[in-house]
Amino acid sequence: MKVLCLNLWQGGNLMNEILSFLRKEDPDVLVMQEVYNGHDLLWERKFRSLDVLREELNYPYEHFAPAFLERTSFGKVEQGNAVLSKFPLLGSKTFFYDVPYGEREDLPPYYKTTPRNLQHVTLDVHGRMVHVFNTQGVWGEDGEDNDRRLFMGKKIAEAVQPYQDVVLAGDFNVQEKTKTIGMIEGQLVNVFKDERTTSFNMRHKTNPGYATAVVDFMFVSPNLNVKDKWSYDEDVSDHLALAVDIQL
């Protein structure tokens, strides 16, 4: 079971490169953040990212967890987290951390209060229930702990605790070696722990602080066997993709 995680970067600023990369990697489960769910064919493709990915990649099962409604110059469009899967979807849940679903604009004054949620889908993997969790975390001007992020970490740890076969992935917007991530590590294995200097694609970042920021993670249950793992350097987003191959 190959699971790949990617922040699409505003719905897919590099959509052609994203599609080529995903066709090549061909994951069984695709976990994504910053996914737009617009449908107007006159809109730029990145604002129709879920439709485009569905049509181009032909995954039979999907779930979209809208986090907020974004106001743009051409209308309103939902953005959130999405999972595409080759395995049947048995159920899904979504819950928000501290800010409920609402509207925002893609401008700095809105970032700190942008609603964030945790997506949970249950997959039937050859008769075995696997729980896939996906999130984009609480934004801040740094990657350190704060009250809202600590609350987020507590809620994630509580959400995954009841289940045996868990994969958790996403852009957590908080650094490694924080109490927030530590709470999650109390329940799950941090697959790439202490192996990376950054999880950002520095081809698209000018602030040097991003070069030492690790905010994208993949976690698995201790009972799951990680057969292989990949931390990519492909130029498909302003974040770097991650993947694990799990032997069930």
Protein backbone atom coordinates (compact mmCIF):
# COMPACT_ATOMS: atom_id res chain seq x y z
CA MET A 1 0.00 0.00 0.00
CA LYS A 2 1.80 3.10 -1.25
CA VAL A 3 0.58 6.37 0.30
CA LEU A 4 1.79 9.71 -1.09
CA CYS A 5 1.30 13.09 0.59
CA LEU A 6 1.48 16.44 -1.22
CA ASN A 7 0.48 20.02 -0.50
CA LEU A 8 -0.71 21.15 -3.94
CA TRP A 9 0.30 24.82 -3.39
CA GLN A 10 -2.83 26.92 -3.86
CA GLY A 11 -4.69 24.16 -5.67
CA GLY A 12 -1.88 23.35 -8.08
CA ASN A 13 0.24 26.24 -9.33
CA LEU A 14 2.33 23.58 -11.13
CA MET A 15 -0.54 21.36 -12.24
CA ASN A 16 1.17 19.88 -15.32
CA GLU A 17 4.18 18.88 -13.23
CA ILE A 18 1.92 17.49 -10.48
CA LEU A 19 0.05 15.27 -12.94
CA SER A 20 3.25 13.94 -14.51
CA PHE A 21 4.74 13.22 -11.10
CA LEU A 22 1.66 11.42 -9.80
CA ARG A 23 1.32 9.31 -12.94
CA LYS A 24 4.95 8.25 -12.53
CA GLU A 25 4.67 7.46 -8.80
CA ASP A 26 1.19 5.89 -9.08
CA PRO A 27 0.35 5.76 -5.35
CA ASP A 28 -2.49 3.58 -4.10
CA VAL A 29 -3.64 6.39 -1.82
CA LEU A 30 -3.07 10.09 -2.50
CA VAL A 31 -3.33 12.49 0.46
CA MET A 32 -3.44 16.20 -0.42
CA GLN A 33 -3.78 19.64 1.14
CA GLU A 34 -4.71 23.03 -0.41
CA VAL A 35 -7.16 21.36 -2.79
CA TYR A 36 -9.81 23.50 -4.49
CA ASN A 37 -13.19 22.05 -5.40
CA GLY A 38 -14.44 24.52 -8.00
CA HIS A 39 -16.32 23.36 -11.11
CA ASP A 40 -16.62 26.34 -13.46
CA LEU A 41 -14.70 25.47 -16.65
CA LEU A 42 -13.88 29.14 -17.15
CA TRP A 43 -11.82 29.16 -13.95
CA GLU A 44 -8.09 28.46 -13.89
CA ARG A 45 -7.36 24.74 -13.46
CA LYS A 46 -5.88 25.11 -9.98
CA PHE A 47 -9.27 26.31 -8.69
CA ARG A 48 -10.78 23.10 -10.13
CA SER A 49 -7.98 20.89 -8.80
CA LEU A 50 -10.17 18.06 -7.49
CA ASP A 51 -12.05 17.81 -10.80
CA VAL A 52 -8.80 17.88 -12.78
CA LEU A 53 -7.12 15.21 -10.64
CA ARG A 54 -10.20 13.00 -10.79
CA GLU A 55 -10.42 13.20 -14.57
CA GLU A 56 -6.70 12.84 -15.24
CA LEU A 57 -5.79 10.13 -12.72
CA ASN A 58 -8.99 8.03 -12.63
CA TYR A 59 -8.98 7.05 -8.97
CA PRO A 60 -12.23 5.17 -8.26
CA TYR A 61 -12.72 6.50 -4.69
CA GLU A 62 -12.36 9.96 -3.22
CA HIS A 63 -13.24 12.13 -0.26
CA PHE A 64 -13.03 15.91 0.05
CA ALA A 65 -13.02 17.69 3.42
CA PRO A 66 -13.67 21.41 2.84
CA ALA A 67 -11.97 23.67 5.38
CA PHE A 68 -13.25 27.06 4.23
CA LEU A 69 -14.92 29.01 1.45
CA GLU A 70 -12.47 31.34 -0.25
CA ARG A 71 -13.60 34.68 -1.63
CA THR A 72 -11.90 35.54 -4.93
CA SER A 73 -12.31 38.18 -7.62
CA PHE A 74 -14.29 35.71 -9.77
CA GLY A 75 -16.47 34.12 -7.05
CA LYS A 76 -16.31 31.81 -4.06
CA VAL A 77 -14.64 28.38 -4.07
CA GLU A 78 -14.06 25.77 -1.36
CA GLN A 79 -10.57 24.74 -0.31
CA GLY A 80 -9.65 21.82 1.90
CA ASN A 81 -8.05 18.40 2.18
CA ALA A 82 -8.64 15.46 -0.15
CA VAL A 83 -7.92 11.75 -0.38
CA LEU A 84 -7.97 9.76 -3.62
CA SER A 85 -7.82 5.98 -3.29
CA LYS A 86 -7.66 2.76 -5.30
CA PHE A 87 -9.18 1.01 -2.28
CA PRO A 88 -12.90 1.20 -1.41
CA LEU A 89 -13.97 3.90 1.02
CA LEU A 90 -15.88 2.48 4.00
CA GLY A 91 -16.54 5.73 5.86
CA SER A 92 -15.36 9.26 6.55
CA LYS A 93 -15.32 11.90 9.27
CA THR A 94 -14.10 15.48 9.45
CA PHE A 95 -13.68 17.71 12.47
CA PHE A 96 -12.34 21.21 12.95
CA TYR A 97 -9.81 22.27 15.58
CA ASP A 98 -10.84 25.63 17.07
CA VAL A 99 -12.10 27.78 14.17
CA PRO A 100 -15.25 26.42 12.45
CA TYR A 101 -15.89 26.33 8.71
CA GLY A 102 -16.24 29.85 7.32
CA GLU A 103 -15.13 32.29 4.63
CA ARG A 104 -11.74 33.91 4.10
CA GLU A 105 -9.56 35.61 1.50
CA ASP A 106 -6.06 34.54 0.48
CA LEU A 107 -4.45 37.50 2.26
CA PRO A 108 -2.09 37.61 5.30
CA PRO A 109 -4.65 39.17 7.71
CA TYR A 110 -6.81 36.03 7.32
CA TYR A 111 -4.10 33.36 7.69
CA LYS A 112 -4.03 33.12 11.49
CA THR A 113 -7.79 32.61 11.71
CA THR A 114 -8.17 30.32 8.70
CA PRO A 115 -10.28 27.25 9.64
CA ARG A 116 -8.31 23.98 9.73
CA ASN A 117 -9.63 20.45 9.98
CA LEU A 118 -8.65 16.80 10.31
CA GLN A 119 -9.92 14.47 7.59
CA HIS A 120 -10.42 10.78 8.46
CA VAL A 121 -11.26 8.14 5.86
CA THR A 122 -11.53 4.39 6.44
CA LEU A 123 -10.34 2.19 3.57
CA ASP A 124 -10.94 -1.48 2.83
CA VAL A 125 -7.44 -2.72 1.95
CA HIS A 126 -7.95 -6.33 0.90
CA GLY A 127 -10.37 -6.92 3.75
CA ARG A 128 -8.41 -4.94 6.35
CA MET A 129 -9.63 -1.57 7.65
CA VAL A 130 -6.95 1.10 7.36
CA HIS A 131 -7.59 4.56 8.80
CA VAL A 132 -6.06 7.43 6.83
CA PHE A 133 -5.93 10.87 8.48
CA ASN A 134 -5.06 14.06 6.60
CA THR A 135 -4.63 17.63 7.82
CA GLN A 136 -3.33 21.09 7.14
CA GLY A 137 -2.43 22.58 10.47
CA VAL A 138 -2.91 25.91 12.23
CA TRP A 139 -0.89 28.64 10.53
CA GLY A 140 1.50 30.96 12.37
CA GLU A 141 4.40 33.30 11.78
CA ASP A 142 6.80 30.68 13.13
CA GLY A 143 6.83 26.92 13.51
CA GLU A 144 6.84 26.82 17.31
CA ASP A 145 4.24 25.69 19.82
CA ASN A 146 1.39 27.98 20.78
CA ASP A 147 -1.94 27.37 22.50
CA ARG A 148 -3.83 26.71 19.29
CA ARG A 149 -1.21 24.29 17.93
CA LEU A 150 -1.00 22.43 21.23
CA PHE A 151 -4.77 22.04 21.16
CA MET A 152 -4.49 20.75 17.58
CA GLY A 153 -1.84 18.20 18.60
CA LYS A 154 -4.00 16.99 21.49
CA LYS A 155 -7.05 16.58 19.23
CA ILE A 156 -5.06 14.66 16.60
CA ALA A 157 -3.56 12.33 19.23
CA GLU A 158 -7.04 11.67 20.62
CA ALA A 159 -8.48 11.05 17.14
CA VAL A 160 -5.93 8.40 16.12
CA GLN A 161 -5.64 6.66 19.50
CA PRO A 162 -8.62 4.25 19.14
CA TYR A 163 -7.39 2.65 15.91
CA GLN A 164 -4.73 0.04 15.11
CA ASP A 165 -3.92 0.54 11.41
CA VAL A 166 -3.37 4.28 10.98
CA VAL A 167 -1.59 6.49 8.46
CA LEU A 168 -1.52 10.21 9.31
CA ALA A 169 -0.08 12.73 6.87
CA GLY A 170 -0.19 16.39 6.00
CA ASP A 171 1.22 19.88 6.22
CA PHE A 172 1.06 20.46 9.97
CA ASN A 173 2.38 24.05 9.85
CA VAL A 174 4.44 23.32 12.97
CA GLN A 175 8.05 22.22 13.32
CA GLU A 176 9.53 18.93 14.39
CA LYS A 177 10.78 18.74 18.02
CA THR A 178 7.77 20.69 19.31
CA LYS A 179 5.37 19.53 22.01
CA THR A 180 2.63 19.54 19.37
CA ILE A 181 4.39 16.93 17.24
CA GLY A 182 5.55 15.12 20.39
CA MET A 183 1.93 14.46 21.38
CA ILE A 184 1.33 12.75 18.04
CA GLU A 185 4.58 10.79 18.38
CA GLY A 186 3.16 9.45 21.64
CA GLN A 187 0.64 7.53 19.52
CA LEU A 188 2.31 6.98 16.14
CA VAL A 189 5.73 6.52 14.54
CA ASN A 190 7.16 9.62 12.84
CA VAL A 191 8.41 7.95 9.64
CA PHE A 192 10.98 10.59 8.62
CA LYS A 193 11.96 11.69 12.14
CA ASP A 194 15.14 13.81 12.23
CA GLU A 195 16.02 12.91 8.62
CA ARG A 196 15.29 16.22 6.88
CA THR A 197 16.49 19.80 7.04
CA THR A 198 13.40 21.23 5.34
CA SER A 199 10.13 20.04 3.88
CA PHE A 200 9.86 23.06 1.58
CA ASN A 201 10.88 23.34 -2.07
CA MET A 202 13.36 26.20 -1.86
CA ARG A 203 13.09 26.84 -5.61
CA HIS A 204 9.93 28.79 -4.72
CA LYS A 205 10.92 30.37 -1.39
CA THR A 206 12.84 33.58 -0.83
CA ASN A 207 12.72 33.67 2.99
CA PRO A 208 15.79 31.67 4.18
CA GLY A 209 13.87 30.53 7.26
CA TYR A 210 12.03 27.97 5.14
CA ALA A 211 15.35 26.20 4.43
CA THR A 212 15.40 24.90 8.01
CA ALA A 213 11.65 24.30 8.48
CA VAL A 214 10.20 20.78 8.57
CA VAL A 215 6.38 20.95 8.74
CA ASP A 216 5.21 18.10 6.45
CA PHE A 217 5.00 14.69 8.13
CA MET A 218 3.87 11.11 7.71
CA PHE A 219 3.07 8.96 10.74
CA VAL A 220 2.04 5.29 10.95
CA SER A 221 0.85 2.94 13.67
CA PRO A 222 3.69 1.07 15.42
CA ASN A 223 2.31 -2.28 14.18
CA LEU A 224 2.59 -1.30 10.50
CA ASN A 225 5.70 -2.34 8.56
CA VAL A 226 7.14 0.50 6.45
CA LYS A 227 8.71 -1.42 3.58
CA ASP A 228 10.06 1.70 1.84
CA LYS A 229 9.82 5.48 2.07
CA TRP A 230 10.58 8.45 -0.17
CA SER A 231 11.25 12.12 0.51
CA TYR A 232 11.11 13.66 -2.96
CA ASP A 233 12.85 16.68 -4.44
CA GLU A 234 10.59 16.97 -7.51
CA ASP A 235 9.58 20.52 -8.45
CA VAL A 236 5.81 20.11 -8.21
CA SER A 237 4.89 22.46 -5.33
CA ASP A 238 6.37 24.85 -2.79
CA HIS A 239 6.33 21.83 -0.44
CA LEU A 240 8.18 18.54 -0.96
CA ALA A 241 6.17 15.34 -1.40
CA LEU A 242 6.48 12.34 0.92
CA ALA A 243 5.50 8.70 0.43
CA VAL A 244 5.54 5.41 2.31
CA ASP A 245 5.10 1.83 1.12
CA ILE A 246 3.36 -0.13 3.87
CA GLN A 247 3.32 -3.91 3.99
CA LEU A 248 0.09 -5.14 5.57
